[in-house]
PDB file of all heavy atoms in Angstrom:
ATOM      1  N   GLU A   1      81.995 117.473  40.670  1.00  0.00           N
ATOM      2  CA  GLU A   1      81.559 116.456  41.631  1.00  0.00           C
ATOM      3  C   GLU A   1      80.143 115.987  41.306  1.00  0.00           C
ATOM      4  O   GLU A   1      79.223 116.804  41.137  1.00  0.00           O
ATOM      5  CB  GLU A   1      81.595 117.017  43.049  1.00  0.00           C
ATOM      6  CG  GLU A   1      81.489 115.974  44.148  1.00  0.00           C
ATOM      7  CD  GLU A   1      82.749 115.122  44.258  1.00  0.00           C
ATOM      8  OE1 GLU A   1      83.839 115.616  43.907  1.00  0.00           O
ATOM      9  OE2 GLU A   1      82.629 113.965  44.687  1.00  0.00           O
ATOM     10  N   GLY A   2      79.964 114.675  41.222  1.00  0.00           N
ATOM     11  CA  GLY A   2      78.647 114.121  40.924  1.00  0.00           C
ATOM     12  C   GLY A   2      78.249 114.208  39.467  1.00  0.00           C
ATOM     13  O   GLY A   2      77.083 113.972  39.131  1.00  0.00           O
ATOM     14  N   LYS A   3      79.205 114.513  38.587  1.00  0.00           N
ATOM     15  CA  LYS A   3      78.925 114.601  37.151  1.00  0.00           C
ATOM     16  C   LYS A   3      79.866 113.680  36.387  1.00  0.00           C
ATOM     17  O   LYS A   3      81.039 113.549  36.734  1.00  0.00           O
ATOM     18  CB  LYS A   3      79.088 116.031  36.633  1.00  0.00           C
ATOM     19  CG  LYS A   3      78.168 117.064  37.290  1.00  0.00           C
ATOM     20  CD  LYS A   3      78.390 118.427  36.681  1.00  0.00           C
ATOM     21  CE  LYS A   3      77.452 119.483  37.259  1.00  0.00           C
ATOM     22  NZ  LYS A   3      77.839 119.854  38.624  1.00  0.00           N
ATOM     23  N   ARG A   4      79.345 113.073  35.345  1.00  0.00           N
ATOM     24  CA  ARG A   4      80.154 112.227  34.459  1.00  0.00           C
ATOM     25  C   ARG A   4      80.020 112.742  33.042  1.00  0.00           C
ATOM     26  O   ARG A   4      78.919 112.745  32.481  1.00  0.00           O
ATOM     27  CB  ARG A   4      79.687 110.773  34.528  1.00  0.00           C
ATOM     28  CG  ARG A   4      80.549 109.811  33.706  1.00  0.00           C
ATOM     29  CD  ARG A   4      80.024 108.386  33.754  1.00  0.00           C
ATOM     30  NE  ARG A   4      78.815 108.216  32.959  1.00  0.00           N
ATOM     31  CZ  ARG A   4      78.805 107.965  31.646  1.00  0.00           C
ATOM     32  NH1 ARG A   4      79.947 107.885  30.972  1.00  0.00           N
ATOM     33  NH2 ARG A   4      77.666 107.805  30.996  1.00  0.00           N
ATOM     34  N   LEU A   5      81.135 113.228  32.485  1.00  0.00           N
ATOM     35  CA  LEU A   5      81.102 113.717  31.106  1.00  0.00           C
ATOM     36  C   LEU A   5      80.793 112.570  30.155  1.00  0.00           C
ATOM     37  O   LEU A   5      81.380 111.492  30.253  1.00  0.00           O
ATOM     38  CB  LEU A   5      82.440 114.345  30.719  1.00  0.00           C
ATOM     39  CG  LEU A   5      82.828 115.697  31.332  1.00  0.00           C
ATOM     40  CD1 LEU A   5      84.109 116.193  30.684  1.00  0.00           C
ATOM     41  CD2 LEU A   5      81.725 116.721  31.179  1.00  0.00           C
ATOM     42  N   THR A   6      79.868 112.804  29.235  1.00  0.00           N
ATOM     43  CA  THR A   6      79.537 111.813  28.219  1.00  0.00           C
ATOM     44  C   THR A   6      79.943 112.277  26.816  1.00  0.00           C
ATOM     45  O   THR A   6      80.090 111.449  25.917  1.00  0.00           O
ATOM     46  CB  THR A   6      78.033 111.499  28.228  1.00  0.00           C
ATOM     47  OG1 THR A   6      77.290 112.708  28.006  1.00  0.00           O
ATOM     48  CG2 THR A   6      77.616 110.901  29.572  1.00  0.00           C
ATOM     49  N   GLU A   7      80.128 113.575  26.653  1.00  0.00           N
ATOM     50  CA  GLU A   7      80.535 114.105  25.351  1.00  0.00           C
ATOM     51  C   GLU A   7      81.037 115.521  25.548  1.00  0.00           C
ATOM     52  O   GLU A   7      80.542 116.257  26.411  1.00  0.00           O
ATOM     53  CB  GLU A   7      79.359 114.091  24.377  1.00  0.00           C
ATOM     54  CG  GLU A   7      79.732 114.368  22.934  1.00  0.00           C
ATOM     55  CD  GLU A   7      78.592 114.140  21.957  1.00  0.00           C
ATOM     56  OE1 GLU A   7      77.506 113.684  22.388  1.00  0.00           O
ATOM     57  OE2 GLU A   7      78.772 114.413  20.755  1.00  0.00           O
ATOM     58  N   TYR A   8      82.047 115.908  24.769  1.00  0.00           N
ATOM     59  CA  TYR A   8      82.498 117.303  24.810  1.00  0.00           C
ATOM     60  C   TYR A   8      83.180 117.660  23.496  1.00  0.00           C
ATOM     61  O   TYR A   8      83.617 116.792  22.740  1.00  0.00           O
ATOM     62  CB  TYR A   8      83.420 117.565  26.010  1.00  0.00           C
ATOM     63  CG  TYR A   8      84.791 116.926  25.937  1.00  0.00           C
ATOM     64  CD1 TYR A   8      85.874 117.608  25.389  1.00  0.00           C
ATOM     65  CD2 TYR A   8      85.014 115.645  26.440  1.00  0.00           C
ATOM     66  CE1 TYR A   8      87.128 117.030  25.329  1.00  0.00           C
ATOM     67  CE2 TYR A   8      86.272 115.060  26.380  1.00  0.00           C
ATOM     68  CZ  TYR A   8      87.321 115.769  25.835  1.00  0.00           C
ATOM     69  OH  TYR A   8      88.569 115.192  25.772  1.00  0.00           O
ATOM     70  N   ALA A   9      83.253 118.960  23.255  1.00  0.00           N
ATOM     71  CA  ALA A   9      83.901 119.470  22.045  1.00  0.00           C
ATOM     72  C   ALA A   9      84.603 120.778  22.387  1.00  0.00           C
ATOM     73  O   ALA A   9      84.125 121.555  23.228  1.00  0.00           O
ATOM     74  CB  ALA A   9      82.875 119.697  20.935  1.00  0.00           C
ATOM     75  N   ILE A  10      85.738 121.016  21.758  1.00  0.00           N
ATOM     76  CA  ILE A  10      86.505 122.242  21.976  1.00  0.00           C
ATOM     77  C   ILE A  10      86.925 122.797  20.617  1.00  0.00           C
ATOM     78  O   ILE A  10      87.415 122.054  19.753  1.00  0.00           O
ATOM     79  CB  ILE A  10      87.764 121.991  22.829  1.00  0.00           C
ATOM     80  CG1 ILE A  10      87.398 121.339  24.165  1.00  0.00           C
ATOM     81  CG2 ILE A  10      88.511 123.304  23.077  1.00  0.00           C
ATOM     82  CD1 ILE A  10      88.606 120.887  24.980  1.00  0.00           C
ATOM     83  N   SER A  11      86.738 124.102  20.432  1.00  0.00           N
ATOM     84  CA  SER A  11      87.233 124.804  19.247  1.00  0.00           C
ATOM     85  C   SER A  11      88.369 125.722  19.682  1.00  0.00           C
ATOM     86  O   SER A  11      88.201 126.525  20.616  1.00  0.00           O
ATOM     87  CB  SER A  11      86.117 125.631  18.599  1.00  0.00           C
ATOM     88  OG  SER A  11      85.114 124.792  18.065  1.00  0.00           O
ATOM     89  N   PHE A  12      89.507 125.611  19.025  1.00  0.00           N
ATOM     90  CA  PHE A  12      90.698 126.399  19.360  1.00  0.00           C
ATOM     91  C   PHE A  12      90.748 127.588  18.396  1.00  0.00           C
ATOM     92  O   PHE A  12      91.004 127.406  17.198  1.00  0.00           O
ATOM     93  CB  PHE A  12      91.939 125.536  19.258  1.00  0.00           C
ATOM     94  CG  PHE A  12      91.821 124.247  20.048  1.00  0.00           C
ATOM     95  CD1 PHE A  12      91.394 123.069  19.429  1.00  0.00           C
ATOM     96  CD2 PHE A  12      92.104 124.213  21.400  1.00  0.00           C
ATOM     97  CE1 PHE A  12      91.279 121.890  20.145  1.00  0.00           C
ATOM     98  CE2 PHE A  12      91.986 123.043  22.134  1.00  0.00           C
ATOM     99  CZ  PHE A  12      91.572 121.874  21.513  1.00  0.00           C
ATOM    100  N   LEU A  13      90.519 128.783  18.915  1.00  0.00           N
ATOM    101  CA  LEU A  13      90.331 129.949  18.053  1.00  0.00           C
ATOM    102  C   LEU A  13      91.576 130.832  17.949  1.00  0.00           C
ATOM    103  O   LEU A  13      91.997 131.187  16.855  1.00  0.00           O
ATOM    104  CB  LEU A  13      89.145 130.770  18.565  1.00  0.00           C
ATOM    105  CG  LEU A  13      87.827 129.991  18.713  1.00  0.00           C
ATOM    106  CD1 LEU A  13      86.735 130.877  19.292  1.00  0.00           C
ATOM    107  CD2 LEU A  13      87.399 129.408  17.375  1.00  0.00           C
ATOM    108  N   ARG A  14      92.149 131.218  19.089  1.00  0.00           N
ATOM    109  CA  ARG A  14      93.368 132.034  19.102  1.00  0.00           C
ATOM    110  C   ARG A  14      94.279 131.516  20.203  1.00  0.00           C
ATOM    111  O   ARG A  14      93.838 131.302  21.334  1.00  0.00           O
ATOM    112  CB  ARG A  14      93.058 133.518  19.367  1.00  0.00           C
ATOM    113  CG  ARG A  14      92.351 134.232  18.244  1.00  0.00           C
ATOM    114  CD  ARG A  14      92.123 135.708  18.594  1.00  0.00           C
ATOM    115  NE  ARG A  14      91.415 136.405  17.533  1.00  0.00           N
ATOM    116  CZ  ARG A  14      90.083 136.421  17.395  1.00  0.00           C
ATOM    117  NH1 ARG A  14      89.333 135.749  18.271  1.00  0.00           N
ATOM    118  NH2 ARG A  14      89.512 137.081  16.415  1.00  0.00           N
ATOM    119  N   GLU A  15      95.543 131.326  19.868  1.00  0.00           N
ATOM    120  CA  GLU A  15      96.488 130.810  20.839  1.00  0.00           C
ATOM    121  C   GLU A  15      96.678 131.799  21.993  1.00  0.00           C
ATOM    122  O   GLU A  15      96.582 133.010  21.802  1.00  0.00           O
ATOM    123  CB  GLU A  15      97.832 130.530  20.171  1.00  0.00           C
ATOM    124  CG  GLU A  15      97.759 129.430  19.110  1.00  0.00           C
ATOM    125  CD  GLU A  15      99.001 129.358  18.245  1.00  0.00           C
ATOM    126  OE1 GLU A  15      99.554 130.427  17.919  1.00  0.00           O
ATOM    127  OE2 GLU A  15      99.409 128.237  17.894  1.00  0.00           O
ATOM    128  N   ALA A  16      96.945 131.269  23.175  1.00  0.00           N
ATOM    129  CA  ALA A  16      97.181 132.096  24.359  1.00  0.00           C
ATOM    130  C   ALA A  16      98.582 131.801  24.882  1.00  0.00           C
ATOM    131  O   ALA A  16      98.996 130.637  24.957  1.00  0.00           O
ATOM    132  CB  ALA A  16      96.140 131.807  25.434  1.00  0.00           C
ATOM    133  N   GLY A  17      99.314 132.846  25.222  1.00  0.00           N
ATOM    134  CA  GLY A  17     100.684 132.690  25.698  1.00  0.00           C
ATOM    135  C   GLY A  17     100.804 132.927  27.192  1.00  0.00           C
ATOM    136  O   GLY A  17      99.864 133.393  27.852  1.00  0.00           O
ATOM    137  N   GLU A  18     101.965 132.595  27.722  1.00  0.00           N
ATOM    138  CA  GLU A  18     102.220 132.789  29.147  1.00  0.00           C
ATOM    139  C   GLU A  18     101.991 134.248  29.536  1.00  0.00           C
ATOM    140  O   GLU A  18     102.409 135.168  28.837  1.00  0.00           O
ATOM    141  CB  GLU A  18     103.662 132.387  29.476  1.00  0.00           C
ATOM    142  CG  GLU A  18     104.007 132.544  30.949  1.00  0.00           C
ATOM    143  CD  GLU A  18     105.464 132.244  31.244  1.00  0.00           C
ATOM    144  OE1 GLU A  18     106.221 131.921  30.287  1.00  0.00           O
ATOM    145  OE2 GLU A  18     105.855 132.343  32.419  1.00  0.00           O
ATOM    146  N   GLY A  19     101.293 134.457  30.645  1.00  0.00           N
ATOM    147  CA  GLY A  19     101.011 135.796  31.127  1.00  0.00           C
ATOM    148  C   GLY A  19      99.673 136.346  30.685  1.00  0.00           C
ATOM    149  O   GLY A  19      99.156 137.291  31.297  1.00  0.00           O
ATOM    150  N   GLU A  20      99.094 135.780  29.621  1.00  0.00           N
ATOM    151  CA  GLU A  20      97.763 136.211  29.205  1.00  0.00           C
ATOM    152  C   GLU A  20      96.714 135.621  30.144  1.00  0.00           C
ATOM    153  O   GLU A  20      96.934 134.595  30.795  1.00  0.00           O
ATOM    154  CB  GLU A  20      97.485 135.807  27.760  1.00  0.00           C
ATOM    155  CG  GLU A  20      98.360 136.546  26.760  1.00  0.00           C
ATOM    156  CD  GLU A  20      97.878 136.384  25.335  1.00  0.00           C
ATOM    157  OE1 GLU A  20      98.059 135.283  24.778  1.00  0.00           O
ATOM    158  OE2 GLU A  20      97.331 137.358  24.779  1.00  0.00           O
ATOM    159  N   VAL A  21      95.570 136.284  30.203  1.00  0.00           N
ATOM    160  CA  VAL A  21      94.500 135.858  31.102  1.00  0.00           C
ATOM    161  C   VAL A  21      93.245 135.574  30.292  1.00  0.00           C
ATOM    162  O   VAL A  21      92.813 136.416  29.492  1.00  0.00           O
ATOM    163  CB  VAL A  21      94.206 136.931  32.175  1.00  0.00           C
ATOM    164  CG1 VAL A  21      93.042 136.505  33.055  1.00  0.00           C
ATOM    165  CG2 VAL A  21      95.445 137.190  33.023  1.00  0.00           C
ATOM    166  N   LEU A  22      92.683 134.395  30.490  1.00  0.00           N
ATOM    167  CA  LEU A  22      91.434 134.034  29.839  1.00  0.00           C
ATOM    168  C   LEU A  22      90.265 134.377  30.753  1.00  0.00           C
ATOM    169  O   LEU A  22      90.215 133.923  31.909  1.00  0.00           O
ATOM    170  CB  LEU A  22      91.406 132.535  29.525  1.00  0.00           C
ATOM    171  CG  LEU A  22      92.345 132.055  28.419  1.00  0.00           C
ATOM    172  CD1 LEU A  22      92.479 130.539  28.462  1.00  0.00           C
ATOM    173  CD2 LEU A  22      91.838 132.502  27.049  1.00  0.00           C
ATOM    174  N   SER A  23      89.347 135.181  30.260  1.00  0.00           N
ATOM    175  CA  SER A  23      88.105 135.464  30.981  1.00  0.00           C
ATOM    176  C   SER A  23      87.083 134.416  30.564  1.00  0.00           C
ATOM    177  O   SER A  23      86.734 134.320  29.381  1.00  0.00           O
ATOM    178  CB  SER A  23      87.594 136.872  30.647  1.00  0.00           C
ATOM    179  OG  SER A  23      88.521 137.850  31.078  1.00  0.00           O
ATOM    180  N   ILE A  24      86.632 133.621  31.527  1.00  0.00           N
ATOM    181  CA  ILE A  24      85.764 132.482  31.244  1.00  0.00           C
ATOM    182  C   ILE A  24      84.301 132.870  31.435  1.00  0.00           C
ATOM    183  O   ILE A  24      83.934 133.481  32.451  1.00  0.00           O
ATOM    184  CB  ILE A  24      86.101 131.280  32.150  1.00  0.00           C
ATOM    185  CG1 ILE A  24      87.605 130.975  32.106  1.00  0.00           C
ATOM    186  CG2 ILE A  24      85.278 130.068  31.754  1.00  0.00           C
ATOM    187  CD1 ILE A  24      88.126 130.570  30.766  1.00  0.00           C
ATOM    188  N   GLU A  25      83.479 132.518  30.444  1.00  0.00           N
ATOM    189  CA  GLU A  25      82.031 132.714  30.525  1.00  0.00           C
ATOM    190  C   GLU A  25      81.351 131.379  30.241  1.00  0.00           C
ATOM    191  O   GLU A  25      81.835 130.609  29.410  1.00  0.00           O
ATOM    192  CB  GLU A  25      81.560 133.749  29.502  1.00  0.00           C
ATOM    193  CG  GLU A  25      82.167 135.132  29.671  1.00  0.00           C
ATOM    194  CD  GLU A  25      81.742 136.042  28.526  1.00  0.00           C
ATOM    195  OE1 GLU A  25      82.196 135.781  27.387  1.00  0.00           O
ATOM    196  OE2 GLU A  25      80.944 136.964  28.774  1.00  0.00           O
TER     197      GLU A  25
END
């Protein structure tokens, strides 16, 4: 809210499957 993305980048390192949990930092 109140933010407009102007640029972003994503690196895909290891695939994640159904049931796995990503710990976000």
